[in-house]
Amino acid sequence: MAKRSTKNSGRGQRDLRVRVKTAKGRKLSSTRWLERQLNDPYVARAKKEGYRGRAAFKILELDDKYRFLVPGARVVDLGCAPGGWAQVAVRRVNALGEKQGKAVGFVLGIDLQEVEPIPGAEIHQLDFMEDGADDKVKAWLGGKADVVMSDMAASASGHKQTDHLRIVALCEAAAELAFDVLEEGGTFVAKVLAGGAEGTLQATLKQRFKKVANVKPPASRADSSEKFVVATGFRGSGA
């Protein structure tokens, strides 16, 4: 049961934080997660603005800073479920042609699981690490991509070092696909962990792109170890 506290904060305003009582059978960690969700302004904004999750604001903030989701861009969203990043991309690249006089982009979502349709995006169920996946992506795109982005995270094992290695492996695999499907001058955006991209991956990205930044957008929770690598200016498949 959720209860909204009305305790005075001492700043002339009431504390409207929602507090959740631990129900019988519910783990304390679940209670804390629910309380955090109920008090998260990004969760409320996502519901209000029609996004499928708060993660949409991470890509919004990254794009506000680096400007890679431009009208006419062809975007590949790896691990796109539940679809918040793809929703943002559809609007910004003008995939639905709603911005008169602007180029019309294309958004391709890829995920292991089935994803509810997203207006303006083409969604395919695919393991992007399987042999020939890059050729399928290029066929669906009808060419190469301007942006490859990924908010993927491996299932948590509870072991910090193992989880770190898993997410690094996912990021490296996403980068390998990006090297094959990106147009020259393209952008690669992917989730990494605290410290940014690992040394080997960081060095590779710096060879293949003109600029590489490791960023923690405001929408990323303060207690989360996630960061995002934003690599811009792809030098081409022959680099």
C-alpha atoms as a PDB file:
ATOM      1  CA  MET A   1       0.000   0.000   0.000  1.00  0.00           C
ATOM      2  CA  ALA A   2       1.334   3.434  -0.949  1.00  0.00           C
ATOM      3  CA  LYS A   3       0.965   6.361   1.408  1.00  0.00           C
ATOM      4  CA  ARG A   4       1.780   9.965   0.548  1.00  0.00           C
ATOM      5  CA  SER A   5       3.631  11.757   3.330  1.00  0.00           C
ATOM      6  CA  THR A   6       2.528  15.339   4.066  1.00  0.00           C
ATOM      7  CA  LYS A   7       5.287  16.116   6.543  1.00  0.00           C
ATOM      8  CA  ASN A   8       6.510  19.712   6.342  1.00  0.00           C
ATOM      9  CA  SER A   9       9.921  19.844   4.685  1.00  0.00           C
ATOM     10  CA  GLY A  10      11.045  22.936   6.575  1.00  0.00           C
ATOM     11  CA  ARG A  11      11.258  24.920   3.335  1.00  0.00           C
ATOM     12  CA  GLY A  12       7.710  26.206   3.381  1.00  0.00           C
ATOM     13  CA  GLN A  13       6.492  23.236   1.331  1.00  0.00           C
ATOM     14  CA  ARG A  14       5.040  19.884   2.236  1.00  0.00           C
ATOM     15  CA  ASP A  15       6.974  16.698   1.493  1.00  0.00           C
ATOM     16  CA  LEU A  16       4.805  14.932  -1.054  1.00  0.00           C
ATOM     17  CA  ARG A  17       7.045  11.869  -1.363  1.00  0.00           C
ATOM     18  CA  VAL A  18       5.113   8.617  -1.700  1.00  0.00           C
ATOM     19  CA  ARG A  19       6.118   6.017   0.859  1.00  0.00           C
ATOM     20  CA  VAL A  20       5.323   2.336   0.342  1.00  0.00           C
ATOM     21  CA  LYS A  21       4.623  -0.069   3.180  1.00  0.00           C
ATOM     22  CA  THR A  22       6.197  -3.499   2.852  1.00  0.00           C
ATOM     23  CA  ALA A  23       3.352  -5.896   2.107  1.00  0.00           C
ATOM     24  CA  LYS A  24       3.339  -9.487   3.314  1.00  0.00           C
ATOM     25  CA  GLY A  25       5.347 -11.615   0.928  1.00  0.00           C
ATOM     26  CA  ARG A  26       6.986  -8.653  -0.803  1.00  0.00           C
ATOM     27  CA  LYS A  27      10.761  -8.349  -0.578  1.00  0.00           C
ATOM     28  CA  LEU A  28      12.248  -5.164   0.837  1.00  0.00           C
ATOM     29  CA  SER A  29      14.103  -4.631  -2.459  1.00  0.00           C
ATOM     30  CA  SER A  30      10.779  -4.753  -4.327  1.00  0.00           C
ATOM     31  CA  THR A  31       9.273  -2.231  -1.948  1.00  0.00           C
ATOM     32  CA  ARG A  32      12.219   0.113  -2.458  1.00  0.00           C
ATOM     33  CA  TRP A  33      11.949  -0.260  -6.240  1.00  0.00           C
ATOM     34  CA  LEU A  34       8.201   0.521  -6.150  1.00  0.00           C
ATOM     35  CA  GLU A  35       8.767   3.556  -3.921  1.00  0.00           C
ATOM     36  CA  ARG A  36      11.481   4.823  -6.243  1.00  0.00           C
ATOM     37  CA  GLN A  37       9.207   4.398  -9.275  1.00  0.00           C
ATOM     38  CA  LEU A  38       6.348   6.256  -7.622  1.00  0.00           C
ATOM     39  CA  ASN A  39       8.635   9.166  -6.749  1.00  0.00           C
ATOM     40  CA  ASP A  40      10.586   9.328 -10.016  1.00  0.00           C
ATOM     41  CA  PRO A  41       9.689  12.470 -12.018  1.00  0.00           C
ATOM     42  CA  TYR A  42      10.903  10.819 -15.247  1.00  0.00           C
ATOM     43  CA  VAL A  43       8.448   7.946 -14.758  1.00  0.00           C
ATOM     44  CA  ALA A  44       5.629  10.482 -14.396  1.00  0.00           C
ATOM     45  CA  ARG A  45       6.835  12.398 -17.478  1.00  0.00           C
ATOM     46  CA  ALA A  46       7.028   9.208 -19.533  1.00  0.00           C
ATOM     47  CA  LYS A  47       3.396   8.408 -18.757  1.00  0.00           C
ATOM     48  CA  LYS A  48       2.311  11.976 -19.474  1.00  0.00           C
ATOM     49  CA  GLU A  49       4.200  12.251 -22.774  1.00  0.00           C
ATOM     50  CA  GLY A  50       3.321   8.770 -24.041  1.00  0.00           C
ATOM     51  CA  TYR A  51       6.736   7.099 -23.832  1.00  0.00           C
ATOM     52  CA  ARG A  52       7.053   3.433 -22.929  1.00  0.00           C
ATOM     53  CA  GLY A  53       9.540   4.070 -20.162  1.00  0.00           C
ATOM     54  CA  ARG A  54      11.739   6.632 -18.441  1.00  0.00           C
ATOM     55  CA  ALA A  55      14.711   5.484 -20.561  1.00  0.00           C
ATOM     56  CA  ALA A  56      13.298   7.595 -23.402  1.00  0.00           C
ATOM     57  CA  PHE A  57      14.624  10.695 -21.647  1.00  0.00           C
ATOM     58  CA  LYS A  58      18.178   9.335 -21.680  1.00  0.00           C
ATOM     59  CA  ILE A  59      18.311   9.299 -25.479  1.00  0.00           C
ATOM     60  CA  LEU A  60      16.445  12.624 -25.615  1.00  0.00           C
ATOM     61  CA  GLU A  61      19.096  14.236 -23.424  1.00  0.00           C
ATOM     62  CA  LEU A  62      21.972  12.631 -25.321  1.00  0.00           C
ATOM     63  CA  ASP A  63      20.523  13.815 -28.627  1.00  0.00           C
ATOM     64  CA  ASP A  64      19.921  17.314 -27.273  1.00  0.00           C
ATOM     65  CA  LYS A  65      23.663  17.476 -26.629  1.00  0.00           C
ATOM     66  CA  TYR A  66      25.101  15.671 -29.670  1.00  0.00           C
ATOM     67  CA  ARG A  67      22.370  16.132 -32.340  1.00  0.00           C
ATOM     68  CA  PHE A  68      22.536  12.810 -34.173  1.00  0.00           C
ATOM     69  CA  LEU A  69      18.792  12.092 -34.527  1.00  0.00           C
ATOM     70  CA  VAL A  70      18.206  14.563 -37.345  1.00  0.00           C
ATOM     71  CA  PRO A  71      15.362  14.543 -39.895  1.00  0.00           C
ATOM     72  CA  GLY A  72      16.100  12.008 -42.624  1.00  0.00           C
ATOM     73  CA  ALA A  73      18.464   9.870 -40.527  1.00  0.00           C
ATOM     74  CA  ARG A  74      18.320   6.070 -40.746  1.00  0.00           C
ATOM     75  CA  VAL A  75      18.470   4.602 -37.253  1.00  0.00           C
ATOM     76  CA  VAL A  76      19.043   1.088 -35.912  1.00  0.00           C
ATOM     77  CA  ASP A  77      17.888   0.557 -32.321  1.00  0.00           C
ATOM     78  CA  LEU A  78      19.439  -2.648 -30.943  1.00  0.00           C
ATOM     79  CA  GLY A  79      17.601  -4.321 -28.081  1.00  0.00           C
ATOM     80  CA  CYS A  80      14.759  -1.896 -28.625  1.00  0.00           C
ATOM     81  CA  ALA A  81      12.223  -3.343 -26.136  1.00  0.00           C
ATOM     82  CA  PRO A  82      10.065  -1.877 -24.722  1.00  0.00           C
ATOM     83  CA  GLY A  83      10.430   0.849 -27.356  1.00  0.00           C
ATOM     84  CA  GLY A  84      11.061   4.193 -25.668  1.00  0.00           C
ATOM     85  CA  TRP A  85      14.254   4.939 -27.610  1.00  0.00           C
ATOM     86  CA  ALA A  86      12.593   4.038 -30.909  1.00  0.00           C
ATOM     87  CA  GLN A  87       9.660   6.326 -30.076  1.00  0.00           C
ATOM     88  CA  VAL A  88      12.061   9.221 -29.590  1.00  0.00           C
ATOM     89  CA  ALA A  89      13.916   8.395 -32.806  1.00  0.00           C
ATOM     90  CA  VAL A  90      10.681   8.248 -34.830  1.00  0.00           C
ATOM     91  CA  ARG A  91       9.783  11.781 -33.787  1.00  0.00           C
ATOM     92  CA  ARG A  92      13.223  13.284 -34.197  1.00  0.00           C
ATOM     93  CA  VAL A  93      14.160  11.773 -37.572  1.00  0.00           C
ATOM     94  CA  ASN A  94      10.678  12.540 -38.926  1.00  0.00           C
ATOM     95  CA  ALA A  95       9.928   8.890 -39.724  1.00  0.00           C
ATOM     96  CA  LEU A  96       6.208   9.634 -39.997  1.00  0.00           C
ATOM     97  CA  GLY A  97       6.760  12.656 -42.231  1.00  0.00           C
ATOM     98  CA  GLU A  98       4.946  14.951 -39.811  1.00  0.00           C
ATOM     99  CA  LYS A  99       7.477  17.777 -40.146  1.00  0.00           C
ATOM    100  CA  GLN A 100       6.596  19.453 -43.424  1.00  0.00           C
ATOM    101  CA  GLY A 101       9.553  20.329 -45.598  1.00  0.00           C
ATOM    102  CA  LYS A 102      11.918  18.082 -43.618  1.00  0.00           C
ATOM    103  CA  ALA A 103      13.573  14.875 -44.837  1.00  0.00           C
ATOM    104  CA  VAL A 104      11.824  11.664 -43.764  1.00  0.00           C
ATOM    105  CA  GLY A 105      13.929   9.235 -41.725  1.00  0.00           C
ATOM    106  CA  PHE A 106      13.684   5.534 -40.984  1.00  0.00           C
ATOM    107  CA  VAL A 107      13.794   3.679 -37.658  1.00  0.00           C
ATOM    108  CA  LEU A 108      14.590  -0.037 -37.454  1.00  0.00           C
ATOM    109  CA  GLY A 109      14.132  -1.749 -34.102  1.00  0.00           C
ATOM    110  CA  ILE A 110      15.794  -5.093 -33.338  1.00  0.00           C
ATOM    111  CA  ASP A 111      15.148  -7.268 -30.300  1.00  0.00           C
ATOM    112  CA  LEU A 112      15.319 -10.900 -29.176  1.00  0.00           C
ATOM    113  CA  GLN A 113      11.740 -10.702 -27.962  1.00  0.00           C
ATOM    114  CA  GLU A 114       8.569  -9.617 -29.684  1.00  0.00           C
ATOM    115  CA  VAL A 115       7.908  -5.893 -29.310  1.00  0.00           C
ATOM    116  CA  GLU A 116       4.561  -4.142 -29.516  1.00  0.00           C
ATOM    117  CA  PRO A 117       4.319  -2.178 -32.793  1.00  0.00           C
ATOM    118  CA  ILE A 118       5.644   1.375 -32.700  1.00  0.00           C
ATOM    119  CA  PRO A 119       4.063   3.813 -35.166  1.00  0.00           C
ATOM    120  CA  GLY A 120       6.728   4.967 -37.608  1.00  0.00           C
ATOM    121  CA  ALA A 121       9.225   2.209 -36.768  1.00  0.00           C
ATOM    122  CA  GLU A 122       9.883  -1.152 -38.397  1.00  0.00           C
ATOM    123  CA  ILE A 123      10.456  -3.815 -35.748  1.00  0.00           C
ATOM    124  CA  HIS A 124      12.124  -7.200 -36.288  1.00  0.00           C
ATOM    125  CA  GLN A 125      12.693 -10.077 -33.881  1.00  0.00           C
ATOM    126  CA  LEU A 126      16.357 -11.029 -34.310  1.00  0.00           C
ATOM    127  CA  ASP A 127      19.499 -11.979 -32.396  1.00  0.00           C
ATOM    128  CA  PHE A 128      21.823  -9.298 -33.737  1.00  0.00           C
ATOM    129  CA  MET A 129      24.847 -11.438 -32.766  1.00  0.00           C
ATOM    130  CA  GLU A 130      23.919 -14.334 -35.049  1.00  0.00           C
ATOM    131  CA  ASP A 131      25.780 -14.923 -38.307  1.00  0.00           C
ATOM    132  CA  GLY A 132      24.452 -12.765 -41.124  1.00  0.00           C
ATOM    133  CA  ALA A 133      22.530 -10.395 -38.849  1.00  0.00           C
ATOM    134  CA  ASP A 134      24.355  -7.362 -40.259  1.00  0.00           C
ATOM    135  CA  ASP A 135      23.311  -8.313 -43.798  1.00  0.00           C
ATOM    136  CA  LYS A 136      19.680  -8.613 -42.684  1.00  0.00           C
ATOM    137  CA  VAL A 137      19.877  -5.184 -41.027  1.00  0.00           C
ATOM    138  CA  LYS A 138      21.254  -3.588 -44.201  1.00  0.00           C
ATOM    139  CA  ALA A 139      18.595  -5.307 -46.290  1.00  0.00           C
ATOM    140  CA  TRP A 140      15.814  -3.990 -44.042  1.00  0.00           C
ATOM    141  CA  LEU A 141      17.360  -0.525 -44.127  1.00  0.00           C
ATOM    142  CA  GLY A 142      17.829  -0.598 -47.878  1.00  0.00           C
ATOM    143  CA  GLY A 143      21.412   0.538 -47.346  1.00  0.00           C
ATOM    144  CA  LYS A 144      23.482   1.704 -44.413  1.00  0.00           C
ATOM    145  CA  ALA A 145      22.571   3.432 -41.159  1.00  0.00           C
ATOM    146  CA  ASP A 146      23.358   6.925 -39.909  1.00  0.00           C
ATOM    147  CA  VAL A 147      22.917   5.927 -36.268  1.00  0.00           C
ATOM    148  CA  VAL A 148      23.289   2.651 -34.364  1.00  0.00           C
ATOM    149  CA  MET A 149      22.113   2.912 -30.764  1.00  0.00           C
ATOM    150  CA  SER A 150      21.730   0.467 -27.905  1.00  0.00           C
ATOM    151  CA  ASP A 151      20.305   0.687 -24.391  1.00  0.00           C
ATOM    152  CA  MET A 152      20.839  -3.038 -23.844  1.00  0.00           C
ATOM    153  CA  ALA A 153      21.805  -4.479 -20.488  1.00  0.00           C
ATOM    154  CA  ALA A 154      22.478  -8.140 -19.731  1.00  0.00           C
ATOM    155  CA  SER A 155      20.349  -9.856 -17.102  1.00  0.00           C
ATOM    156  CA  ALA A 156      21.759  -9.054 -13.680  1.00  0.00           C
ATOM    157  CA  SER A 157      23.509 -11.940 -11.923  1.00  0.00           C
ATOM    158  CA  GLY A 158      23.995 -10.120  -8.631  1.00  0.00           C
ATOM    159  CA  HIS A 159      27.759 -10.340  -9.077  1.00  0.00           C
ATOM    160  CA  LYS A 160      29.068  -6.877  -9.935  1.00  0.00           C
ATOM    161  CA  GLN A 161      32.154  -7.977 -11.879  1.00  0.00           C
ATOM    162  CA  THR A 162      30.226 -10.566 -13.895  1.00  0.00           C
ATOM    163  CA  ASP A 163      27.520  -8.050 -14.759  1.00  0.00           C
ATOM    164  CA  HIS A 164      30.175  -5.562 -15.839  1.00  0.00           C
ATOM    165  CA  LEU A 165      31.784  -8.103 -18.183  1.00  0.00           C
ATOM    166  CA  ARG A 166      28.401  -8.995 -19.662  1.00  0.00           C
ATOM    167  CA  ILE A 167      27.450  -5.430 -20.492  1.00  0.00           C
ATOM    168  CA  VAL A 168      30.908  -4.763 -21.943  1.00  0.00           C
ATOM    169  CA  ALA A 169      30.500  -7.834 -24.160  1.00  0.00           C
ATOM    170  CA  LEU A 170      27.108  -6.566 -25.348  1.00  0.00           C
ATOM    171  CA  CYS A 171      28.552  -3.138 -26.102  1.00  0.00           C
ATOM    172  CA  GLU A 172      31.460  -4.671 -28.027  1.00  0.00           C
ATOM    173  CA  ALA A 173      29.073  -6.824 -30.076  1.00  0.00           C
ATOM    174  CA  ALA A 174      26.891  -3.786 -30.832  1.00  0.00           C
ATOM    175  CA  ALA A 175      29.994  -1.849 -31.899  1.00  0.00           C
ATOM    176  CA  GLU A 176      31.057  -4.644 -34.260  1.00  0.00           C
ATOM    177  CA  LEU A 177      27.678  -4.523 -35.967  1.00  0.00           C
ATOM    178  CA  ALA A 178      27.866  -0.733 -36.122  1.00  0.00           C
ATOM    179  CA  PHE A 179      31.245  -0.900 -37.886  1.00  0.00           C
ATOM    180  CA  ASP A 180      29.612  -2.938 -40.637  1.00  0.00           C
ATOM    181  CA  VAL A 181      26.295  -1.129 -41.067  1.00  0.00           C
ATOM    182  CA  LEU A 182      27.160   2.528 -40.375  1.00  0.00           C
ATOM    183  CA  GLU A 183      27.512   5.104 -43.103  1.00  0.00           C
ATOM    184  CA  GLU A 184      30.672   7.194 -43.054  1.00  0.00           C
ATOM    185  CA  GLY A 185      30.129  10.083 -40.613  1.00  0.00           C
ATOM    186  CA  GLY A 186      27.634   8.016 -38.605  1.00  0.00           C
ATOM    187  CA  THR A 187      27.075   7.802 -34.839  1.00  0.00           C
ATOM    188  CA  PHE A 188      27.218   4.931 -32.340  1.00  0.00           C
ATOM    189  CA  VAL A 189      25.520   5.264 -28.931  1.00  0.00           C
ATOM    190  CA  ALA A 190      25.534   2.480 -26.350  1.00  0.00           C
ATOM    191  CA  LYS A 191      25.151   1.799 -22.653  1.00  0.00           C
ATOM    192  CA  VAL A 192      28.328   1.089 -20.710  1.00  0.00           C
ATOM    193  CA  LEU A 193      29.107   1.150 -16.988  1.00  0.00           C
ATOM    194  CA  ALA A 194      30.904   3.528 -14.621  1.00  0.00           C
ATOM    195  CA  GLY A 195      34.241   4.508 -16.088  1.00  0.00           C
ATOM    196  CA  GLY A 196      32.819   4.426 -19.606  1.00  0.00           C
ATOM    197  CA  ALA A 197      33.838   2.081 -22.377  1.00  0.00           C
ATOM    198  CA  GLU A 198      36.528  -0.441 -21.453  1.00  0.00           C
ATOM    199  CA  GLY A 199      40.092   0.302 -22.480  1.00  0.00           C
ATOM    200  CA  THR A 200      40.171  -2.003 -25.514  1.00  0.00           C
ATOM    201  CA  LEU A 201      36.760  -0.889 -26.747  1.00  0.00           C
ATOM    202  CA  GLN A 202      37.575   2.760 -26.066  1.00  0.00           C
ATOM    203  CA  ALA A 203      40.771   2.502 -28.128  1.00  0.00           C
ATOM    204  CA  THR A 204      38.926   0.806 -30.989  1.00  0.00           C
ATOM    205  CA  LEU A 205      36.184   3.434 -31.018  1.00  0.00           C
ATOM    206  CA  LYS A 206      38.760   6.227 -31.062  1.00  0.00           C
ATOM    207  CA  GLN A 207      40.341   4.631 -34.129  1.00  0.00           C
ATOM    208  CA  ARG A 208      37.016   4.257 -35.926  1.00  0.00           C
ATOM    209  CA  PHE A 209      35.330   7.540 -34.952  1.00  0.00           C
ATOM    210  CA  LYS A 210      36.462  11.161 -34.871  1.00  0.00           C
ATOM    211  CA  LYS A 211      35.097  11.849 -31.377  1.00  0.00           C
ATOM    212  CA  VAL A 212      34.259   9.547 -28.458  1.00  0.00           C
ATOM    213  CA  ALA A 213      32.607  10.697 -25.240  1.00  0.00           C
ATOM    214  CA  ASN A 214      31.436   8.835 -22.117  1.00  0.00           C
ATOM    215  CA  VAL A 215      28.376  10.555 -20.699  1.00  0.00           C
ATOM    216  CA  LYS A 216      25.905  10.161 -17.835  1.00  0.00           C
ATOM    217  CA  PRO A 217      22.710  11.977 -18.878  1.00  0.00           C
ATOM    218  CA  PRO A 218      20.586  13.609 -16.157  1.00  0.00           C
ATOM    219  CA  ALA A 219      17.834  10.994 -16.662  1.00  0.00           C
ATOM    220  CA  SER A 220      20.232   8.241 -15.618  1.00  0.00           C
ATOM    221  CA  ARG A 221      19.604   7.591 -11.932  1.00  0.00           C
ATOM    222  CA  ALA A 222      22.283   8.922  -9.598  1.00  0.00           C
ATOM    223  CA  ASP A 223      22.656   5.525  -7.897  1.00  0.00           C
ATOM    224  CA  SER A 224      23.087   3.738 -11.231  1.00  0.00           C
ATOM    225  CA  SER A 225      26.562   2.830 -12.492  1.00  0.00           C
ATOM    226  CA  GLU A 226      25.503   3.206 -16.124  1.00  0.00           C
ATOM    227  CA  LYS A 227      27.019   5.642 -18.576  1.00  0.00           C
ATOM    228  CA  PHE A 228      26.687   5.944 -22.339  1.00  0.00           C
ATOM    229  CA  VAL A 229      29.394   6.049 -24.947  1.00  0.00           C
ATOM    230  CA  VAL A 230      28.641   8.459 -27.798  1.00  0.00           C
ATOM    231  CA  ALA A 231      30.952   7.991 -30.783  1.00  0.00           C
ATOM    232  CA  THR A 232      30.469  10.441 -33.657  1.00  0.00           C
ATOM    233  CA  GLY A 233      32.023  10.855 -37.081  1.00  0.00           C
ATOM    234  CA  PHE A 234      32.473   7.244 -38.192  1.00  0.00           C
ATOM    235  CA  ARG A 235      35.579   7.023 -40.361  1.00  0.00           C
ATOM    236  CA  GLY A 236      34.164   4.283 -42.582  1.00  0.00           C
ATOM    237  CA  SER A 237      34.382   0.501 -42.756  1.00  0.00           C
ATOM    238  CA  GLY A 238      37.928   0.660 -44.115  1.00  0.00           C
ATOM    239  CA  ALA A 239      39.327   2.634 -41.162  1.00  0.00           C
END
